[in-house]
Protein backbone atom coordinates (compact mmCIF):
# COMPACT_ATOMS: atom_id res chain seq x y z
CA MET A 1 8.89 11.02 -32.35
CA HIS A 2 9.83 7.92 -30.40
CA ALA A 3 11.51 5.06 -32.10
CA GLN A 4 9.24 2.04 -32.36
CA ARG A 5 9.79 -0.11 -29.39
CA GLU A 6 9.20 -3.87 -29.69
CA LEU A 7 7.38 -5.92 -27.10
CA LEU A 8 9.04 -9.20 -26.42
CA PRO A 9 6.40 -11.24 -24.42
CA GLU A 10 8.44 -14.24 -24.54
CA THR A 11 11.07 -12.60 -22.32
CA TRP A 12 8.74 -11.09 -19.97
CA VAL A 13 8.67 -13.69 -17.22
CA ASP A 14 12.52 -13.91 -17.10
CA LYS A 15 13.03 -10.30 -17.14
CA TYR A 16 10.33 -8.88 -14.86
CA SER A 17 8.45 -11.41 -12.87
CA ASP A 18 10.83 -11.10 -9.77
CA GLU A 19 10.67 -7.39 -9.89
CA LEU A 20 6.83 -7.30 -10.19
CA TYR A 21 6.56 -9.90 -7.51
CA ARG A 22 8.45 -7.97 -4.94
CA TYR A 23 6.62 -4.67 -5.94
CA THR A 24 3.47 -6.43 -5.51
CA LEU A 25 4.28 -8.31 -2.23
CA VAL A 26 5.20 -4.87 -0.54
CA ARG A 27 1.69 -3.65 -1.31
CA ILE A 28 -0.45 -6.85 -0.83
CA ASN A 29 1.53 -8.91 1.85
CA ASP A 30 0.21 -12.21 0.54
CA THR A 31 2.54 -14.34 -1.39
CA GLY A 32 -0.05 -16.25 -3.28
CA LEU A 33 -2.07 -13.19 -4.01
CA ALA A 34 1.05 -11.42 -5.19
CA GLU A 35 1.94 -14.17 -7.54
CA ASP A 36 -1.63 -14.20 -8.95
CA ILE A 37 -1.43 -10.48 -9.56
CA VAL A 38 1.75 -10.82 -11.27
CA GLN A 39 0.46 -13.53 -13.63
CA GLU A 40 -2.72 -11.50 -14.26
CA THR A 41 -0.44 -8.63 -15.19
CA PHE A 42 1.36 -10.85 -17.85
CA LEU A 43 -1.87 -12.08 -19.02
CA SER A 44 -3.54 -8.57 -19.27
CA ALA A 45 -0.29 -7.34 -21.24
CA TRP A 46 -0.48 -10.24 -23.57
CA ARG A 47 -3.84 -9.56 -24.37
CA ALA A 48 -3.28 -5.74 -24.88
CA LYS A 49 -0.03 -6.04 -26.72
CA GLU A 50 -1.52 -4.98 -30.00
CA ASN A 51 -2.49 -1.63 -28.35
CA TYR A 52 0.96 -1.01 -26.98
CA LYS A 53 2.04 2.46 -28.42
CA ALA A 54 5.65 2.43 -27.30
CA GLU A 55 5.21 5.63 -25.36
CA THR A 56 6.90 4.11 -22.42
CA SER A 57 9.43 1.15 -22.03
CA GLU A 58 8.16 -2.33 -21.87
CA LYS A 59 8.96 -2.42 -18.32
CA ASN A 60 7.17 0.72 -17.41
CA TRP A 61 3.97 -0.49 -19.33
CA LEU A 62 4.12 -3.78 -17.44
CA TYR A 63 4.48 -1.94 -13.94
CA ALA A 64 1.58 0.30 -14.77
CA ILE A 65 -0.73 -2.79 -15.60
CA CYS A 66 0.65 -4.39 -12.35
CA LYS A 67 -0.14 -1.23 -10.45
CA ASN A 68 -3.70 -1.10 -11.86
CA LYS A 69 -4.24 -4.78 -11.09
CA ILE A 70 -3.29 -3.92 -7.38
CA ILE A 71 -5.51 -1.00 -7.34
CA ASP A 72 -8.56 -3.43 -8.66
CA HIS A 73 -7.66 -5.72 -5.87
CA PHE A 74 -7.82 -2.88 -3.33
CA ARG A 75 -11.08 -1.51 -4.84
CA LYS A 76 -12.83 -4.93 -4.50
CA GLN A 77 -11.77 -5.00 -0.85
CA ALA A 78 -12.93 -1.43 -0.38
CA THR A 79 -16.61 -2.31 -0.95
CA ASN A 80 -16.95 -3.41 2.63
CA ILE A 81 -15.80 -0.15 4.52
CA PHE A 82 -17.11 0.40 7.88
CA THR A 83 -18.13 3.93 7.95
CA GLY A 84 -19.77 3.98 11.72
CA ALA A 85 -18.78 6.08 14.65
CA ALA A 86 -15.33 6.14 15.60
CA THR A 87 -15.62 4.00 18.58
CA GLU A 88 -12.17 2.38 18.23
CA GLU A 89 -10.62 6.01 18.67
CA ASN A 90 -12.09 5.85 22.21
CA ILE A 91 -8.83 4.08 23.24
CA TYR A 92 -6.78 7.09 22.17
CA PHE A 93 -8.96 10.12 23.00
CA ASP A 94 -11.24 11.00 25.96
CA GLU A 95 -14.79 12.45 25.63
CA VAL A 96 -13.69 15.68 24.74
CA ALA A 97 -11.21 14.46 21.94
CA HIS A 98 -8.00 15.10 24.13
CA TRP A 99 -5.35 12.51 24.06
CA ARG A 100 -5.65 10.10 27.01
CA ASP A 101 -2.60 10.03 29.27
CA GLU A 102 -1.38 6.59 28.22
CA THR A 103 -1.81 6.99 24.58
CA THR A 104 -0.22 10.49 24.16
CA PRO A 105 2.41 10.38 21.49
CA LYS A 106 5.80 10.10 22.91
CA ASP A 107 9.18 11.36 21.59
CA TRP A 108 10.83 8.08 20.24
CA GLN A 109 14.45 9.69 20.83
CA LEU A 110 15.81 7.43 17.95
CA ASN A 111 18.84 8.05 15.61
CA TYR A 112 17.19 7.57 12.24
CA ASP A 113 20.55 7.56 10.61
CA LEU A 114 21.57 4.18 11.99
CA GLN A 115 21.10 1.67 9.33
CA ILE A 116 20.26 -1.19 11.80
CA GLU A 117 17.53 0.93 13.22
CA THR A 118 16.21 1.42 9.72
CA LYS A 119 16.20 -2.02 8.91
CA GLU A 120 14.60 -3.05 12.31
CA PHE A 121 12.16 -0.23 11.61
CA TYR A 122 10.96 -1.51 8.28
CA SER A 123 10.82 -5.02 9.38
CA VAL A 124 8.55 -4.11 12.30
CA LEU A 125 6.33 -1.69 10.19
CA ASP A 126 5.80 -4.48 7.83
CA LEU A 127 4.44 -6.63 10.67
CA CYS A 128 2.45 -3.94 12.08
CA LYS A 129 1.11 -3.05 8.65
CA LYS A 130 -0.14 -6.77 8.22
CA LYS A 131 -2.07 -6.31 11.46
CA LEU A 132 -4.13 -3.33 10.16
CA PRO A 133 -7.61 -3.91 8.70
CA VAL A 134 -7.52 -4.63 5.06
CA ILE A 135 -8.96 -1.26 3.87
CA GLN A 136 -6.78 0.76 6.24
CA LYS A 137 -3.72 -1.20 4.94
CA ASN A 138 -4.63 -0.44 1.39
CA VAL A 139 -5.02 3.22 1.93
CA PHE A 140 -1.85 3.45 3.77
CA VAL A 141 0.09 1.60 1.20
CA MET A 142 -1.45 3.68 -1.72
CA LYS A 143 -0.67 6.99 0.28
CA TYR A 144 2.88 6.27 1.54
CA PHE A 145 4.16 3.51 -0.57
CA ASP A 146 2.78 4.43 -4.10
CA ASP A 147 2.72 8.25 -3.26
CA MET A 148 -0.90 8.60 -4.65
CA SER A 149 -2.86 11.59 -3.61
CA SER A 150 -6.01 11.41 -1.36
CA ASP A 151 -8.19 12.28 -4.48
CA GLU A 152 -6.44 9.56 -6.68
CA ILE A 153 -6.99 7.08 -3.73
CA CYS A 154 -10.67 8.01 -3.24
CA LYS A 155 -11.24 7.67 -6.93
CA ALA A 156 -9.36 4.30 -7.20
CA LEU A 157 -11.15 2.74 -3.98
CA GLU A 158 -14.49 4.56 -4.92
CA ILE A 159 -14.64 5.89 -1.46
CA THR A 160 -15.55 9.40 -0.25
CA PRO A 161 -12.93 11.92 1.13
CA ALA A 162 -14.44 11.63 4.57
CA ASN A 163 -13.86 7.72 4.57
CA TYR A 164 -10.40 8.30 3.20
CA TRP A 165 -9.35 10.58 6.21
CA ILE A 166 -11.08 8.31 8.68
CA LEU A 167 -9.23 5.36 7.30
CA ILE A 168 -5.74 7.11 7.11
CA HIS A 169 -6.11 8.56 10.66
CA ARG A 170 -7.15 5.31 12.23
CA GLY A 171 -4.27 3.55 10.37
CA LYS A 172 -1.64 5.84 11.56
CA LEU A 173 -2.93 5.60 15.05
CA HIS A 174 -2.85 1.69 15.10
CA LEU A 175 0.67 1.69 13.35
CA ARG A 176 2.00 4.14 15.97
CA ARG A 177 0.61 2.08 18.64
CA CYS A 178 2.05 -1.15 17.16
CA LEU A 179 5.53 0.27 16.57
CA GLU A 180 5.61 1.52 20.00
CA LYS A 181 4.78 -1.79 21.53
CA ASN A 182 6.98 -3.88 19.27
CA TRP A 183 9.90 -1.56 18.23
CA ILE A 184 10.40 1.27 20.54
CA ASN A 185 9.41 -0.37 23.68
CA ILE A 186 7.97 2.69 25.31
């Protein structure tokens, strides 16, 4: 049996606001919205403090609430998904679905162990991620930053598996193209 853990709401802002803000900002890429989500996290936690069962630490409980607030935000944005024909893929593939010569993936020939390249990569990846359509960015973040399964993402965003795969595929194509243009200089 767990020892009863006590919530200390009066310490939450001092102890957790910076960490929750960084966690949220990486996923949302909007400083004002990230601040709002962290505030909503604290408000929801305050309202639910009587239901806290001490099965996890106070910190983990707050992170779970924050993650749910982020997913709620993504879900609201997902209501406007474009599910039409993949016309934007015509820049990558020809009429028989083969790579066009100018868009064929190239070997980046990078040394991924060099820390400077890693820093540069994540900086450019963040910029490229910001250029993605909102729903593609959200799916990419949930998949690769939050390590959610495709089923979890579909359920959270209330999208079909077909929509998920289209979104993740298009997102990867756009990110690759942006990285090659702004980081690799191929």
